Amino acid sequence: MLDQLATKTTYSVQYPLRDYTFPTEARAKSVTFDERYMHIHLMDERIISVPLKWIPTLLNATPEDRELYSIGWDGRLIYWDPDECAINEDLLIEKYLKPDNSERL
């Protein structure tokens, strides 16, 4: 039994660390919707799916108005202009990637 513990098995690494991709930022390329989610398609090929129930203005908006979004701040902001549709909303993408530990009022 002690001999088995002393024997260490080594495994070869199939891919070196440099072959992996680790995101460093989140910037939106486009947005799509289904009946329950807003899907934020990022420039690095990730897709973030956010429940519409988290964003009441989008949940209660028409599908046509949802599609009238714009992307700003170099892909870091998704917004709807109330002069162009019935939605007045600004969404920072980073807020949907990490927990918000701040207190709510």
C-alpha atoms as a PDB file:
ATOM      1  CA  MET A   1       0.000   0.000   0.000  1.00  0.00           C
ATOM      2  CA  LEU A   2       2.786   2.423   0.880  1.00  0.00           C
ATOM      3  CA  ASP A   3       4.511   1.625  -2.439  1.00  0.00           C
ATOM      4  CA  GLN A   4       1.360   2.661  -4.316  1.00  0.00           C
ATOM      5  CA  LEU A   5       1.265   6.034  -2.563  1.00  0.00           C
ATOM      6  CA  ALA A   6       4.908   6.687  -3.383  1.00  0.00           C
ATOM      7  CA  THR A   7       4.375   6.046  -7.090  1.00  0.00           C
ATOM      8  CA  LYS A   8       3.238   9.197  -8.831  1.00  0.00           C
ATOM      9  CA  THR A   9       1.599   9.025 -12.217  1.00  0.00           C
ATOM     10  CA  THR A  10       2.392  11.835 -14.627  1.00  0.00           C
ATOM     11  CA  TYR A  11       0.209  12.839 -17.517  1.00  0.00           C
ATOM     12  CA  SER A  12       1.198  14.671 -20.641  1.00  0.00           C
ATOM     13  CA  VAL A  13      -0.416  18.009 -21.359  1.00  0.00           C
ATOM     14  CA  GLN A  14      -2.310  17.823 -24.611  1.00  0.00           C
ATOM     15  CA  TYR A  15      -2.491  21.575 -25.241  1.00  0.00           C
ATOM     16  CA  PRO A  16      -0.214  24.227 -23.777  1.00  0.00           C
ATOM     17  CA  LEU A  17      -1.748  27.162 -21.915  1.00  0.00           C
ATOM     18  CA  ARG A  18      -0.966  29.531 -24.812  1.00  0.00           C
ATOM     19  CA  ASP A  19      -3.521  27.637 -26.960  1.00  0.00           C
ATOM     20  CA  TYR A  20      -6.390  28.569 -24.631  1.00  0.00           C
ATOM     21  CA  THR A  21      -8.447  31.748 -24.804  1.00  0.00           C
ATOM     22  CA  PHE A  22      -9.291  33.669 -21.658  1.00  0.00           C
ATOM     23  CA  PRO A  23     -11.550  36.698 -22.056  1.00  0.00           C
ATOM     24  CA  THR A  24     -10.208  39.986 -20.778  1.00  0.00           C
ATOM     25  CA  GLU A  25     -13.205  42.184 -21.552  1.00  0.00           C
ATOM     26  CA  ALA A  26     -16.809  41.968 -22.651  1.00  0.00           C
ATOM     27  CA  ARG A  27     -17.936  44.002 -25.655  1.00  0.00           C
ATOM     28  CA  ALA A  28     -21.226  43.490 -27.467  1.00  0.00           C
ATOM     29  CA  LYS A  29     -21.432  42.814 -31.174  1.00  0.00           C
ATOM     30  CA  SER A  30     -25.185  42.238 -31.414  1.00  0.00           C
ATOM     31  CA  VAL A  31     -28.292  41.395 -29.409  1.00  0.00           C
ATOM     32  CA  THR A  32     -31.052  38.893 -30.126  1.00  0.00           C
ATOM     33  CA  PHE A  33     -34.222  38.070 -28.237  1.00  0.00           C
ATOM     34  CA  ASP A  34     -36.529  35.152 -27.743  1.00  0.00           C
ATOM     35  CA  GLU A  35     -39.700  35.049 -25.666  1.00  0.00           C
ATOM     36  CA  ARG A  36     -37.769  34.687 -22.373  1.00  0.00           C
ATOM     37  CA  TYR A  37     -34.212  35.955 -22.888  1.00  0.00           C
ATOM     38  CA  MET A  38     -32.045  38.715 -24.248  1.00  0.00           C
ATOM     39  CA  HIS A  39     -28.940  37.132 -25.801  1.00  0.00           C
ATOM     40  CA  ILE A  40     -25.911  39.411 -25.907  1.00  0.00           C
ATOM     41  CA  HIS A  41     -23.468  38.225 -28.565  1.00  0.00           C
ATOM     42  CA  LEU A  42     -19.978  39.354 -27.606  1.00  0.00           C
ATOM     43  CA  MET A  43     -17.090  40.159 -29.911  1.00  0.00           C
ATOM     44  CA  ASP A  44     -15.064  37.293 -28.415  1.00  0.00           C
ATOM     45  CA  GLU A  45     -17.796  34.789 -29.459  1.00  0.00           C
ATOM     46  CA  ARG A  46     -19.386  34.337 -26.021  1.00  0.00           C
ATOM     47  CA  ILE A  47     -23.133  34.717 -25.648  1.00  0.00           C
ATOM     48  CA  ILE A  48     -24.663  36.014 -22.426  1.00  0.00           C
ATOM     49  CA  SER A  49     -28.334  35.120 -21.941  1.00  0.00           C
ATOM     50  CA  VAL A  50     -30.188  37.422 -19.551  1.00  0.00           C
ATOM     51  CA  PRO A  51     -33.757  36.643 -18.462  1.00  0.00           C
ATOM     52  CA  LEU A  52     -36.125  39.354 -19.662  1.00  0.00           C
ATOM     53  CA  LYS A  53     -37.838  39.243 -16.265  1.00  0.00           C
ATOM     54  CA  TRP A  54     -34.675  40.833 -14.843  1.00  0.00           C
ATOM     55  CA  ILE A  55     -35.337  43.938 -16.982  1.00  0.00           C
ATOM     56  CA  PRO A  56     -39.001  44.957 -16.689  1.00  0.00           C
ATOM     57  CA  THR A  57     -38.810  47.559 -19.461  1.00  0.00           C
ATOM     58  CA  LEU A  58     -37.728  44.880 -21.930  1.00  0.00           C
ATOM     59  CA  LEU A  59     -40.072  42.220 -20.568  1.00  0.00           C
ATOM     60  CA  ASN A  60     -43.056  44.501 -21.128  1.00  0.00           C
ATOM     61  CA  ALA A  61     -41.892  45.960 -24.450  1.00  0.00           C
ATOM     62  CA  THR A  62     -43.009  44.823 -27.866  1.00  0.00           C
ATOM     63  CA  PRO A  63     -40.626  42.589 -29.824  1.00  0.00           C
ATOM     64  CA  GLU A  64     -40.386  45.349 -32.440  1.00  0.00           C
ATOM     65  CA  ASP A  65     -39.251  47.919 -29.857  1.00  0.00           C
ATOM     66  CA  ARG A  66     -36.700  45.523 -28.356  1.00  0.00           C
ATOM     67  CA  GLU A  67     -35.011  45.284 -31.745  1.00  0.00           C
ATOM     68  CA  LEU A  68     -34.407  49.063 -31.813  1.00  0.00           C
ATOM     69  CA  TYR A  69     -31.356  48.846 -29.536  1.00  0.00           C
ATOM     70  CA  SER A  70     -28.028  50.555 -30.118  1.00  0.00           C
ATOM     71  CA  ILE A  71     -24.571  49.597 -28.909  1.00  0.00           C
ATOM     72  CA  GLY A  72     -22.304  52.285 -27.490  1.00  0.00           C
ATOM     73  CA  TRP A  73     -19.204  52.913 -25.425  1.00  0.00           C
ATOM     74  CA  ASP A  74     -17.132  50.651 -27.656  1.00  0.00           C
ATOM     75  CA  GLY A  75     -19.501  47.716 -27.122  1.00  0.00           C
ATOM     76  CA  ARG A  76     -19.864  48.082 -23.369  1.00  0.00           C
ATOM     77  CA  LEU A  77     -23.362  49.583 -23.356  1.00  0.00           C
ATOM     78  CA  ILE A  78     -26.672  48.524 -24.901  1.00  0.00           C
ATOM     79  CA  TYR A  79     -29.305  51.239 -24.969  1.00  0.00           C
ATOM     80  CA  TRP A  80     -32.691  52.179 -26.363  1.00  0.00           C
ATOM     81  CA  ASP A  81     -33.449  55.782 -27.317  1.00  0.00           C
ATOM     82  CA  PRO A  82     -36.926  56.859 -26.155  1.00  0.00           C
ATOM     83  CA  ASP A  83     -37.117  59.191 -29.168  1.00  0.00           C
ATOM     84  CA  GLU A  84     -36.987  56.120 -31.434  1.00  0.00           C
ATOM     85  CA  CYS A  85     -39.069  53.574 -29.485  1.00  0.00           C
ATOM     86  CA  ALA A  86     -41.135  53.074 -26.331  1.00  0.00           C
ATOM     87  CA  ILE A  87     -38.083  51.845 -24.350  1.00  0.00           C
ATOM     88  CA  ASN A  88     -35.793  54.111 -22.334  1.00  0.00           C
ATOM     89  CA  GLU A  89     -33.063  51.824 -21.013  1.00  0.00           C
ATOM     90  CA  ASP A  90     -29.260  51.721 -20.670  1.00  0.00           C
ATOM     91  CA  LEU A  91     -27.601  48.382 -19.849  1.00  0.00           C
ATOM     92  CA  LEU A  92     -23.946  47.942 -18.954  1.00  0.00           C
ATOM     93  CA  ILE A  93     -22.804  44.527 -20.110  1.00  0.00           C
ATOM     94  CA  GLU A  94     -20.389  44.047 -17.209  1.00  0.00           C
ATOM     95  CA  LYS A  95     -23.334  44.104 -14.770  1.00  0.00           C
ATOM     96  CA  TYR A  96     -24.497  40.766 -16.203  1.00  0.00           C
ATOM     97  CA  LEU A  97     -21.097  39.098 -15.904  1.00  0.00           C
ATOM     98  CA  LYS A  98     -20.357  39.448 -12.215  1.00  0.00           C
ATOM     99  CA  PRO A  99     -22.413  39.636  -9.048  1.00  0.00           C
ATOM    100  CA  ASP A 100     -23.346  43.061  -7.774  1.00  0.00           C
ATOM    101  CA  ASN A 101     -22.560  43.080  -4.069  1.00  0.00           C
ATOM    102  CA  SER A 102     -23.654  46.664  -3.509  1.00  0.00           C
ATOM    103  CA  GLU A 103     -26.680  47.388  -1.384  1.00  0.00           C
ATOM    104  CA  ARG A 104     -29.910  48.260  -3.141  1.00  0.00           C
ATOM    105  CA  LEU A 105     -31.942  51.266  -2.057  1.00  0.00           C
END
